């Protein structure tokens, strides 16, 4: 595989409609927002979705969710030991981990398991792919709906017949347009063996980020990648800073719109920098 030669920056524009893109477990699983009401999606949540897409594309992944574990291992420690047990040299350990799992050579990983045999009892990989916390372009409106759960798993204590329903609350964003930003660093890619082919996989994962991601909180079609902007610089360090590149994607409300209800309520413009052209890809 060809080694990555040039720095990459990317921006994903994603829409959310009547869904909970990333619930906060410390706040009743309400969609995450900042103090000004702008919606947020954590970088950890985005990386989880990318890992799932990697797995869908047939790529080997180290950090798998329980419902997607397809190799028989019940923990990260077991999965690591199946490949890395007996390796005592830290550099060899990290190199083998990067060669084996795409998400490790992409995002990095800390290996701190009892089964690890390297000196010091831990090893760590710093990955080249960095993902920012996503933020909505405008403040989002969060609605709550009271629901009942009637599962009848057990009879009511001391009684026969139907158990009582359980009351609950479901929270969702009425509509939000989110901006996901990220970069791929060449120097770190050289250390992990991250290749041009791996970069193409990341691009496809971002384009199809919400494929096979449906749930009760995120019904199919409620979250959509509108557009992916992908910049490949002509050098290792980049022609411009990542912040400057990300800011070339300008999103603003159309005149007269106060509360956005769809993507069509926004003006989306790309102010390209001299010598750096974006690959603009429609999402699905």
C-alpha atoms as a PDB file:
ATOM      1  CA  UNK A   1       0.000   0.000   0.000  1.00  0.00           C
ATOM      2  CA  UNK A   2       1.258   3.466  -0.911  1.00  0.00           C
ATOM      3  CA  UNK A   3       2.223   5.582   2.094  1.00  0.00           C
ATOM      4  CA  UNK A   4       0.277   8.791   2.678  1.00  0.00           C
ATOM      5  CA  UNK A   5       2.325  11.671   1.245  1.00  0.00           C
ATOM      6  CA  UNK A   6       0.163  14.767   1.682  1.00  0.00           C
ATOM      7  CA  UNK A   7      -1.800  16.252   4.559  1.00  0.00           C
ATOM      8  CA  UNK A   8      -5.593  15.935   4.346  1.00  0.00           C
ATOM      9  CA  UNK A   9      -8.332  18.124   5.827  1.00  0.00           C
ATOM     10  CA  UNK A  10     -12.066  17.433   5.677  1.00  0.00           C
ATOM     11  CA  UNK A  11     -15.434  18.870   6.633  1.00  0.00           C
ATOM     12  CA  UNK A  12     -18.716  16.969   6.770  1.00  0.00           C
ATOM     13  CA  UNK A  13     -22.072  18.754   6.768  1.00  0.00           C
ATOM     14  CA  UNK A  14     -24.755  16.558   8.339  1.00  0.00           C
ATOM     15  CA  UNK A  15     -28.423  17.148   9.049  1.00  0.00           C
ATOM     16  CA  UNK A  16     -30.494  15.850  11.960  1.00  0.00           C
ATOM     17  CA  UNK A  17     -34.281  15.775  11.916  1.00  0.00           C
ATOM     18  CA  UNK A  18     -36.415  14.450  14.783  1.00  0.00           C
ATOM     19  CA  UNK A  19     -33.532  12.396  16.172  1.00  0.00           C
ATOM     20  CA  UNK A  20     -31.084  12.302  19.059  1.00  0.00           C
ATOM     21  CA  UNK A  21     -27.642  12.444  17.434  1.00  0.00           C
ATOM     22  CA  UNK A  22     -25.678  11.977  20.677  1.00  0.00           C
ATOM     23  CA  UNK A  23     -27.402  11.694  24.028  1.00  0.00           C
ATOM     24  CA  UNK A  24     -25.749  12.869  27.254  1.00  0.00           C
ATOM     25  CA  UNK A  25     -25.994  10.073  29.876  1.00  0.00           C
ATOM     26  CA  UNK A  26     -25.434  12.598  32.674  1.00  0.00           C
ATOM     27  CA  UNK A  27     -28.407  14.676  31.530  1.00  0.00           C
ATOM     28  CA  UNK A  28     -31.172  12.125  31.064  1.00  0.00           C
ATOM     29  CA  UNK A  29     -29.836  11.219  27.593  1.00  0.00           C
ATOM     30  CA  UNK A  30     -30.909  14.580  26.201  1.00  0.00           C
ATOM     31  CA  UNK A  31     -29.125  15.609  22.982  1.00  0.00           C
ATOM     32  CA  UNK A  32     -25.853  17.341  23.804  1.00  0.00           C
ATOM     33  CA  UNK A  33     -25.818  21.148  23.651  1.00  0.00           C
ATOM     34  CA  UNK A  34     -23.537  23.913  24.871  1.00  0.00           C
ATOM     35  CA  UNK A  35     -24.638  26.750  27.150  1.00  0.00           C
ATOM     36  CA  UNK A  36     -25.788  28.797  24.163  1.00  0.00           C
ATOM     37  CA  UNK A  37     -28.045  26.048  22.825  1.00  0.00           C
ATOM     38  CA  UNK A  38     -25.854  24.886  19.942  1.00  0.00           C
ATOM     39  CA  UNK A  39     -25.981  21.137  19.346  1.00  0.00           C
ATOM     40  CA  UNK A  40     -22.913  18.987  19.875  1.00  0.00           C
ATOM     41  CA  UNK A  41     -21.793  15.510  18.850  1.00  0.00           C
ATOM     42  CA  UNK A  42     -18.714  14.193  20.637  1.00  0.00           C
ATOM     43  CA  UNK A  43     -15.649  13.077  18.710  1.00  0.00           C
ATOM     44  CA  UNK A  44     -15.941   9.685  20.434  1.00  0.00           C
ATOM     45  CA  UNK A  45     -19.450   9.242  18.993  1.00  0.00           C
ATOM     46  CA  UNK A  46     -18.248  10.134  15.492  1.00  0.00           C
ATOM     47  CA  UNK A  47     -15.294   7.740  15.722  1.00  0.00           C
ATOM     48  CA  UNK A  48     -17.678   4.978  16.819  1.00  0.00           C
ATOM     49  CA  UNK A  49     -19.728   5.484  13.678  1.00  0.00           C
ATOM     50  CA  UNK A  50     -16.594   5.510  11.520  1.00  0.00           C
ATOM     51  CA  UNK A  51     -15.426   2.262  13.129  1.00  0.00           C
ATOM     52  CA  UNK A  52     -18.813   0.695  12.402  1.00  0.00           C
ATOM     53  CA  UNK A  53     -18.541   1.720   8.765  1.00  0.00           C
ATOM     54  CA  UNK A  54     -14.992   0.312   8.605  1.00  0.00           C
ATOM     55  CA  UNK A  55     -16.390  -2.983   9.837  1.00  0.00           C
ATOM     56  CA  UNK A  56     -19.219  -2.843   7.278  1.00  0.00           C
ATOM     57  CA  UNK A  57     -16.595  -2.383   4.560  1.00  0.00           C
ATOM     58  CA  UNK A  58     -14.784  -5.524   5.692  1.00  0.00           C
ATOM     59  CA  UNK A  59     -11.876  -3.802   7.427  1.00  0.00           C
ATOM     60  CA  UNK A  60     -10.363  -5.246  10.647  1.00  0.00           C
ATOM     61  CA  UNK A  61     -11.360  -3.157  13.684  1.00  0.00           C
ATOM     62  CA  UNK A  62     -10.012  -3.424  17.241  1.00  0.00           C
ATOM     63  CA  UNK A  63     -12.605  -1.393  19.206  1.00  0.00           C
ATOM     64  CA  UNK A  64     -15.969  -2.988  18.418  1.00  0.00           C
ATOM     65  CA  UNK A  65     -19.290  -2.398  20.135  1.00  0.00           C
ATOM     66  CA  UNK A  66     -20.763  -5.450  21.867  1.00  0.00           C
ATOM     67  CA  UNK A  67     -23.550  -5.880  19.323  1.00  0.00           C
ATOM     68  CA  UNK A  68     -20.993  -5.871  16.485  1.00  0.00           C
ATOM     69  CA  UNK A  69     -18.451  -8.269  17.986  1.00  0.00           C
ATOM     70  CA  UNK A  70     -18.012 -10.929  15.309  1.00  0.00           C
ATOM     71  CA  UNK A  71     -14.785 -12.649  16.377  1.00  0.00           C
ATOM     72  CA  UNK A  72     -15.868 -14.370  19.611  1.00  0.00           C
ATOM     73  CA  UNK A  73     -13.847 -12.114  21.917  1.00  0.00           C
ATOM     74  CA  UNK A  74     -15.649 -10.555  24.872  1.00  0.00           C
ATOM     75  CA  UNK A  75     -13.094  -7.860  25.688  1.00  0.00           C
ATOM     76  CA  UNK A  76     -10.370  -5.711  24.144  1.00  0.00           C
ATOM     77  CA  UNK A  77      -7.843  -7.565  26.298  1.00  0.00           C
ATOM     78  CA  UNK A  78      -8.799 -10.913  24.743  1.00  0.00           C
ATOM     79  CA  UNK A  79      -8.730  -9.450  21.239  1.00  0.00           C
ATOM     80  CA  UNK A  80      -5.285  -7.939  21.802  1.00  0.00           C
ATOM     81  CA  UNK A  81      -3.890 -11.133  23.336  1.00  0.00           C
ATOM     82  CA  UNK A  82      -5.055 -13.188  20.349  1.00  0.00           C
ATOM     83  CA  UNK A  83      -2.638 -11.266  18.118  1.00  0.00           C
ATOM     84  CA  UNK A  84      -0.057  -9.634  20.379  1.00  0.00           C
ATOM     85  CA  UNK A  85       0.521 -12.044  23.261  1.00  0.00           C
ATOM     86  CA  UNK A  86       4.175 -12.904  23.773  1.00  0.00           C
ATOM     87  CA  UNK A  87       5.547  -9.764  22.111  1.00  0.00           C
ATOM     88  CA  UNK A  88       7.798  -8.043  24.645  1.00  0.00           C
ATOM     89  CA  UNK A  89       9.305  -5.249  22.562  1.00  0.00           C
ATOM     90  CA  UNK A  90       7.060  -2.152  22.721  1.00  0.00           C
ATOM     91  CA  UNK A  91       7.923  -0.952  19.206  1.00  0.00           C
ATOM     92  CA  UNK A  92       7.164  -4.377  17.728  1.00  0.00           C
ATOM     93  CA  UNK A  93       3.929  -4.567  19.752  1.00  0.00           C
ATOM     94  CA  UNK A  94       2.705  -1.200  18.483  1.00  0.00           C
ATOM     95  CA  UNK A  95       3.770  -1.935  14.905  1.00  0.00           C
ATOM     96  CA  UNK A  96       1.920  -5.267  14.909  1.00  0.00           C
ATOM     97  CA  UNK A  97      -1.223  -3.625  16.324  1.00  0.00           C
ATOM     98  CA  UNK A  98      -1.155  -0.981  13.572  1.00  0.00           C
ATOM     99  CA  UNK A  99      -0.653  -3.602  10.872  1.00  0.00           C
ATOM    100  CA  UNK A 100      -3.570  -5.665  12.201  1.00  0.00           C
ATOM    101  CA  UNK A 101      -6.330  -3.110  12.874  1.00  0.00           C
ATOM    102  CA  UNK A 102      -7.335  -0.144  10.729  1.00  0.00           C
ATOM    103  CA  UNK A 103      -8.850   1.858  13.592  1.00  0.00           C
ATOM    104  CA  UNK A 104      -5.617   1.566  15.594  1.00  0.00           C
ATOM    105  CA  UNK A 105      -3.459   2.976  12.815  1.00  0.00           C
ATOM    106  CA  UNK A 106      -6.134   5.635  12.155  1.00  0.00           C
ATOM    107  CA  UNK A 107      -7.119   6.910  15.612  1.00  0.00           C
ATOM    108  CA  UNK A 108      -4.445   5.386  17.816  1.00  0.00           C
ATOM    109  CA  UNK A 109      -5.007   3.224  20.903  1.00  0.00           C
ATOM    110  CA  UNK A 110      -3.753   2.768  24.456  1.00  0.00           C
ATOM    111  CA  UNK A 111      -2.999  -0.855  25.375  1.00  0.00           C
ATOM    112  CA  UNK A 112      -3.016  -1.182  29.179  1.00  0.00           C
ATOM    113  CA  UNK A 113      -4.114  -4.757  29.833  1.00  0.00           C
ATOM    114  CA  UNK A 114      -2.953  -7.312  32.406  1.00  0.00           C
ATOM    115  CA  UNK A 115      -2.061  -9.670  29.580  1.00  0.00           C
ATOM    116  CA  UNK A 116       0.404  -7.233  27.987  1.00  0.00           C
ATOM    117  CA  UNK A 117       4.014  -8.488  28.183  1.00  0.00           C
ATOM    118  CA  UNK A 118       5.973  -5.366  27.227  1.00  0.00           C
ATOM    119  CA  UNK A 119       8.097  -3.551  29.796  1.00  0.00           C
ATOM    120  CA  UNK A 120       6.056  -1.121  31.844  1.00  0.00           C
ATOM    121  CA  UNK A 121       2.832  -3.036  31.238  1.00  0.00           C
ATOM    122  CA  UNK A 122       1.379  -0.710  28.620  1.00  0.00           C
ATOM    123  CA  UNK A 123       1.827   0.529  25.064  1.00  0.00           C
ATOM    124  CA  UNK A 124       0.290   3.356  23.109  1.00  0.00           C
ATOM    125  CA  UNK A 125      -0.221   4.399  19.500  1.00  0.00           C
ATOM    126  CA  UNK A 126      -0.876   7.991  18.469  1.00  0.00           C
ATOM    127  CA  UNK A 127      -3.068   8.026  15.366  1.00  0.00           C
ATOM    128  CA  UNK A 128      -2.969  10.464  12.427  1.00  0.00           C
ATOM    129  CA  UNK A 129      -6.744  10.947  12.031  1.00  0.00           C
ATOM    130  CA  UNK A 130      -8.112  13.660  14.322  1.00  0.00           C
ATOM    131  CA  UNK A 131     -11.832  14.428  14.614  1.00  0.00           C
ATOM    132  CA  UNK A 132     -13.246  17.590  16.159  1.00  0.00           C
ATOM    133  CA  UNK A 133     -16.368  17.680  18.280  1.00  0.00           C
ATOM    134  CA  UNK A 134     -19.199  18.469  15.873  1.00  0.00           C
ATOM    135  CA  UNK A 135     -21.253  21.616  16.415  1.00  0.00           C
ATOM    136  CA  UNK A 136     -24.545  22.767  14.944  1.00  0.00           C
ATOM    137  CA  UNK A 137     -24.550  25.858  12.767  1.00  0.00           C
ATOM    138  CA  UNK A 138     -27.518  27.350  14.657  1.00  0.00           C
ATOM    139  CA  UNK A 139     -28.970  26.723  18.131  1.00  0.00           C
ATOM    140  CA  UNK A 140     -31.129  23.598  18.133  1.00  0.00           C
ATOM    141  CA  UNK A 141     -34.620  23.098  19.495  1.00  0.00           C
ATOM    142  CA  UNK A 142     -34.887  20.036  21.735  1.00  0.00           C
ATOM    143  CA  UNK A 143     -38.286  18.454  22.268  1.00  0.00           C
ATOM    144  CA  UNK A 144     -39.318  15.823  24.792  1.00  0.00           C
ATOM    145  CA  UNK A 145     -42.023  13.230  24.383  1.00  0.00           C
ATOM    146  CA  UNK A 146     -43.531  11.110  27.130  1.00  0.00           C
ATOM    147  CA  UNK A 147     -43.675   7.445  26.154  1.00  0.00           C
ATOM    148  CA  UNK A 148     -44.850   4.176  27.685  1.00  0.00           C
ATOM    149  CA  UNK A 149     -43.004   0.879  27.456  1.00  0.00           C
ATOM    150  CA  UNK A 150     -45.250  -2.150  27.640  1.00  0.00           C
ATOM    151  CA  UNK A 151     -42.978  -5.186  27.563  1.00  0.00           C
ATOM    152  CA  UNK A 152     -44.767  -7.602  29.960  1.00  0.00           C
ATOM    153  CA  UNK A 153     -41.486  -9.286  30.748  1.00  0.00           C
ATOM    154  CA  UNK A 154     -42.811 -10.445  34.124  1.00  0.00           C
ATOM    155  CA  UNK A 155     -46.163 -10.510  35.877  1.00  0.00           C
ATOM    156  CA  UNK A 156     -46.777  -7.876  38.501  1.00  0.00           C
ATOM    157  CA  UNK A 157     -45.667  -9.188  41.902  1.00  0.00           C
ATOM    158  CA  UNK A 158     -48.331 -11.270  43.567  1.00  0.00           C
ATOM    159  CA  UNK A 159     -50.741 -10.805  40.672  1.00  0.00           C
ATOM    160  CA  UNK A 160     -51.613 -12.549  37.489  1.00  0.00           C
ATOM    161  CA  UNK A 161     -52.083 -10.988  34.106  1.00  0.00           C
ATOM    162  CA  UNK A 162     -50.499  -7.960  32.508  1.00  0.00           C
ATOM    163  CA  UNK A 163     -47.786  -5.978  34.309  1.00  0.00           C
ATOM    164  CA  UNK A 164     -48.140  -2.214  34.501  1.00  0.00           C
ATOM    165  CA  UNK A 165     -46.621  -0.073  31.754  1.00  0.00           C
ATOM    166  CA  UNK A 166     -43.404   1.822  32.394  1.00  0.00           C
ATOM    167  CA  UNK A 167     -43.321   5.549  31.772  1.00  0.00           C
ATOM    168  CA  UNK A 168     -40.370   7.204  30.079  1.00  0.00           C
ATOM    169  CA  UNK A 169     -39.201  10.254  28.157  1.00  0.00           C
ATOM    170  CA  UNK A 170     -37.739  10.478  24.663  1.00  0.00           C
ATOM    171  CA  UNK A 171     -35.704  13.552  23.659  1.00  0.00           C
ATOM    172  CA  UNK A 172     -34.874  14.634  20.124  1.00  0.00           C
ATOM    173  CA  UNK A 173     -33.596  17.529  18.039  1.00  0.00           C
ATOM    174  CA  UNK A 174     -36.348  18.962  15.856  1.00  0.00           C
ATOM    175  CA  UNK A 175     -33.818  20.020  13.193  1.00  0.00           C
ATOM    176  CA  UNK A 176     -30.106  20.751  13.209  1.00  0.00           C
ATOM    177  CA  UNK A 177     -27.323  21.216  10.677  1.00  0.00           C
ATOM    178  CA  UNK A 178     -23.985  20.042  12.054  1.00  0.00           C
ATOM    179  CA  UNK A 179     -20.418  20.631  10.905  1.00  0.00           C
ATOM    180  CA  UNK A 180     -17.880  17.832  11.492  1.00  0.00           C
ATOM    181  CA  UNK A 181     -14.224  18.788  11.006  1.00  0.00           C
ATOM    182  CA  UNK A 182     -11.069  16.697  10.902  1.00  0.00           C
ATOM    183  CA  UNK A 183      -7.560  16.218   9.560  1.00  0.00           C
ATOM    184  CA  UNK A 184      -5.032  13.497   8.707  1.00  0.00           C
ATOM    185  CA  UNK A 185      -1.422  14.147   9.743  1.00  0.00           C
ATOM    186  CA  UNK A 186       1.300  12.711   7.492  1.00  0.00           C
ATOM    187  CA  UNK A 187       4.044  12.486  10.139  1.00  0.00           C
ATOM    188  CA  UNK A 188       1.843  10.346  12.383  1.00  0.00           C
ATOM    189  CA  UNK A 189       0.621   8.358   9.364  1.00  0.00           C
ATOM    190  CA  UNK A 190       4.225   7.398   8.633  1.00  0.00           C
ATOM    191  CA  UNK A 191       4.606   6.044  12.178  1.00  0.00           C
ATOM    192  CA  UNK A 192       1.423   3.926  12.099  1.00  0.00           C
ATOM    193  CA  UNK A 193       1.619   2.827   8.458  1.00  0.00           C
ATOM    194  CA  UNK A 194      -1.586   4.677   7.529  1.00  0.00           C
ATOM    195  CA  UNK A 195      -1.771   4.624   3.724  1.00  0.00           C
ATOM    196  CA  UNK A 196      -3.468   6.341   0.786  1.00  0.00           C
ATOM    197  CA  UNK A 197      -5.843   3.375   0.651  1.00  0.00           C
ATOM    198  CA  UNK A 198      -6.697   3.887   4.326  1.00  0.00           C
ATOM    199  CA  UNK A 199      -7.418   7.558   3.616  1.00  0.00           C
ATOM    200  CA  UNK A 200      -9.828   6.514   0.859  1.00  0.00           C
ATOM    201  CA  UNK A 201     -11.563   4.239   3.366  1.00  0.00           C
ATOM    202  CA  UNK A 202     -11.949   7.118   5.824  1.00  0.00           C
ATOM    203  CA  UNK A 203     -13.415   9.227   3.015  1.00  0.00           C
ATOM    204  CA  UNK A 204     -15.983   6.552   2.195  1.00  0.00           C
ATOM    205  CA  UNK A 205     -16.837   6.072   5.879  1.00  0.00           C
ATOM    206  CA  UNK A 206     -17.518   9.806   6.216  1.00  0.00           C
ATOM    207  CA  UNK A 207     -19.604   9.921   3.035  1.00  0.00           C
ATOM    208  CA  UNK A 208     -21.790   7.078   4.347  1.00  0.00           C
ATOM    209  CA  UNK A 209     -21.474   7.888   8.048  1.00  0.00           C
ATOM    210  CA  UNK A 210     -25.053   7.083   9.065  1.00  0.00           C
ATOM    211  CA  UNK A 211     -25.546   3.950   6.949  1.00  0.00           C
ATOM    212  CA  UNK A 212     -26.626   1.009   9.158  1.00  0.00           C
ATOM    213  CA  UNK A 213     -26.808   3.392  12.142  1.00  0.00           C
ATOM    214  CA  UNK A 214     -30.577   3.420  12.663  1.00  0.00           C
ATOM    215  CA  UNK A 215     -32.004   3.021  16.158  1.00  0.00           C
ATOM    216  CA  UNK A 216     -35.035   4.081  18.170  1.00  0.00           C
ATOM    217  CA  UNK A 217     -33.298   7.393  18.881  1.00  0.00           C
ATOM    218  CA  UNK A 218     -32.133   7.787  15.272  1.00  0.00           C
ATOM    219  CA  UNK A 219     -34.721   6.353  12.846  1.00  0.00           C
ATOM    220  CA  UNK A 220     -33.470   5.533   9.374  1.00  0.00           C
ATOM    221  CA  UNK A 221     -33.311   8.733   7.330  1.00  0.00           C
ATOM    222  CA  UNK A 222     -33.355  11.068  10.321  1.00  0.00           C
ATOM    223  CA  UNK A 223     -29.593  11.692  10.068  1.00  0.00           C
ATOM    224  CA  UNK A 224     -27.979  12.392   6.716  1.00  0.00           C
ATOM    225  CA  UNK A 225     -24.596  13.401   5.341  1.00  0.00           C
ATOM    226  CA  UNK A 226     -25.366  16.335   3.065  1.00  0.00           C
ATOM    227  CA  UNK A 227     -21.885  16.974   1.729  1.00  0.00           C
ATOM    228  CA  UNK A 228     -18.258  16.032   2.310  1.00  0.00           C
ATOM    229  CA  UNK A 229     -15.427  18.472   1.564  1.00  0.00           C
ATOM    230  CA  UNK A 230     -12.032  16.770   1.190  1.00  0.00           C
ATOM    231  CA  UNK A 231      -8.767  18.661   0.697  1.00  0.00           C
ATOM    232  CA  UNK A 232      -5.473  16.941  -0.136  1.00  0.00           C
ATOM    233  CA  UNK A 233      -2.561  19.374   0.199  1.00  0.00           C
ATOM    234  CA  UNK A 234       0.531  19.245  -2.014  1.00  0.00           C
ATOM    235  CA  UNK A 235       2.964  18.731   0.890  1.00  0.00           C
ATOM    236  CA  UNK A 236       3.302  16.897   4.208  1.00  0.00           C
ATOM    237  CA  UNK A 237       2.731  19.870   6.500  1.00  0.00           C
ATOM    238  CA  UNK A 238      -0.095  21.390   4.488  1.00  0.00           C
ATOM    239  CA  UNK A 239      -0.300  24.541   2.418  1.00  0.00           C
ATOM    240  CA  UNK A 240      -2.522  26.202   5.034  1.00  0.00           C
ATOM    241  CA  UNK A 241      -3.457  25.522   8.646  1.00  0.00           C
ATOM    242  CA  UNK A 242      -6.368  23.144   9.239  1.00  0.00           C
ATOM    243  CA  UNK A 243      -8.377  25.882  10.914  1.00  0.00           C
ATOM    244  CA  UNK A 244      -8.052  28.142   7.912  1.00  0.00           C
ATOM    245  CA  UNK A 245      -9.058  25.324   5.543  1.00  0.00           C
ATOM    246  CA  UNK A 246     -12.079  24.314   7.623  1.00  0.00           C
ATOM    247  CA  UNK A 247     -13.267  27.923   7.731  1.00  0.00           C
ATOM    248  CA  UNK A 248     -13.520  28.068   3.937  1.00  0.00           C
ATOM    249  CA  UNK A 249     -16.856  26.263   4.275  1.00  0.00           C
ATOM    250  CA  UNK A 250     -19.231  29.076   5.184  1.00  0.00           C
ATOM    251  CA  UNK A 251     -22.808  28.328   6.259  1.00  0.00           C
ATOM    252  CA  UNK A 252     -25.359  31.040   7.015  1.00  0.00           C
ATOM    253  CA  UNK A 253     -29.114  31.383   7.323  1.00  0.00           C
ATOM    254  CA  UNK A 254     -30.926  32.717   4.301  1.00  0.00           C
ATOM    255  CA  UNK A 255     -32.417  36.169   4.584  1.00  0.00           C
ATOM    256  CA  UNK A 256     -35.683  36.179   6.491  1.00  0.00           C
ATOM    257  CA  UNK A 257     -35.173  32.746   8.105  1.00  0.00           C
ATOM    258  CA  UNK A 258     -35.264  32.836  11.902  1.00  0.00           C
ATOM    259  CA  UNK A 259     -35.804  29.192  12.834  1.00  0.00           C
ATOM    260  CA  UNK A 260     -34.275  26.779  10.278  1.00  0.00           C
ATOM    261  CA  UNK A 261     -36.329  23.688   9.526  1.00  0.00           C
ATOM    262  CA  UNK A 262     -34.358  22.164   6.651  1.00  0.00           C
ATOM    263  CA  UNK A 263     -31.054  22.376   4.777  1.00  0.00           C
ATOM    264  CA  UNK A 264     -32.726  24.631   2.217  1.00  0.00           C
ATOM    265  CA  UNK A 265     -32.951  27.370   4.871  1.00  0.00           C
ATOM    266  CA  UNK A 266     -29.162  27.776   4.692  1.00  0.00           C
ATOM    267  CA  UNK A 267     -26.695  29.231   2.222  1.00  0.00           C
ATOM    268  CA  UNK A 268     -23.627  26.969   1.931  1.00  0.00           C
ATOM    269  CA  UNK A 269     -20.582  28.474   0.232  1.00  0.00           C
ATOM    270  CA  UNK A 270     -17.005  27.339  -0.348  1.00  0.00           C
ATOM    271  CA  UNK A 271     -14.381  30.104  -0.409  1.00  0.00           C
ATOM    272  CA  UNK A 272     -11.444  28.205  -1.875  1.00  0.00           C
ATOM    273  CA  UNK A 273      -7.874  29.101  -0.957  1.00  0.00           C
ATOM    274  CA  UNK A 274      -5.314  29.716  -3.736  1.00  0.00           C
ATOM    275  CA  UNK A 275      -3.701  26.491  -4.894  1.00  0.00           C
ATOM    276  CA  UNK A 276      -5.866  24.210  -2.781  1.00  0.00           C
ATOM    277  CA  UNK A 277      -8.945  22.691  -4.391  1.00  0.00           C
ATOM    278  CA  UNK A 278     -11.610  20.773  -2.478  1.00  0.00           C
ATOM    279  CA  UNK A 279     -13.073  17.483  -3.630  1.00  0.00           C
ATOM    280  CA  UNK A 280     -16.788  18.067  -3.007  1.00  0.00           C
ATOM    281  CA  UNK A 281     -18.726  14.817  -2.547  1.00  0.00           C
ATOM    282  CA  UNK A 282     -22.443  14.386  -2.013  1.00  0.00           C
ATOM    283  CA  UNK A 283     -23.285  12.168   0.949  1.00  0.00           C
ATOM    284  CA  UNK A 284     -25.914   9.474   1.324  1.00  0.00           C
END
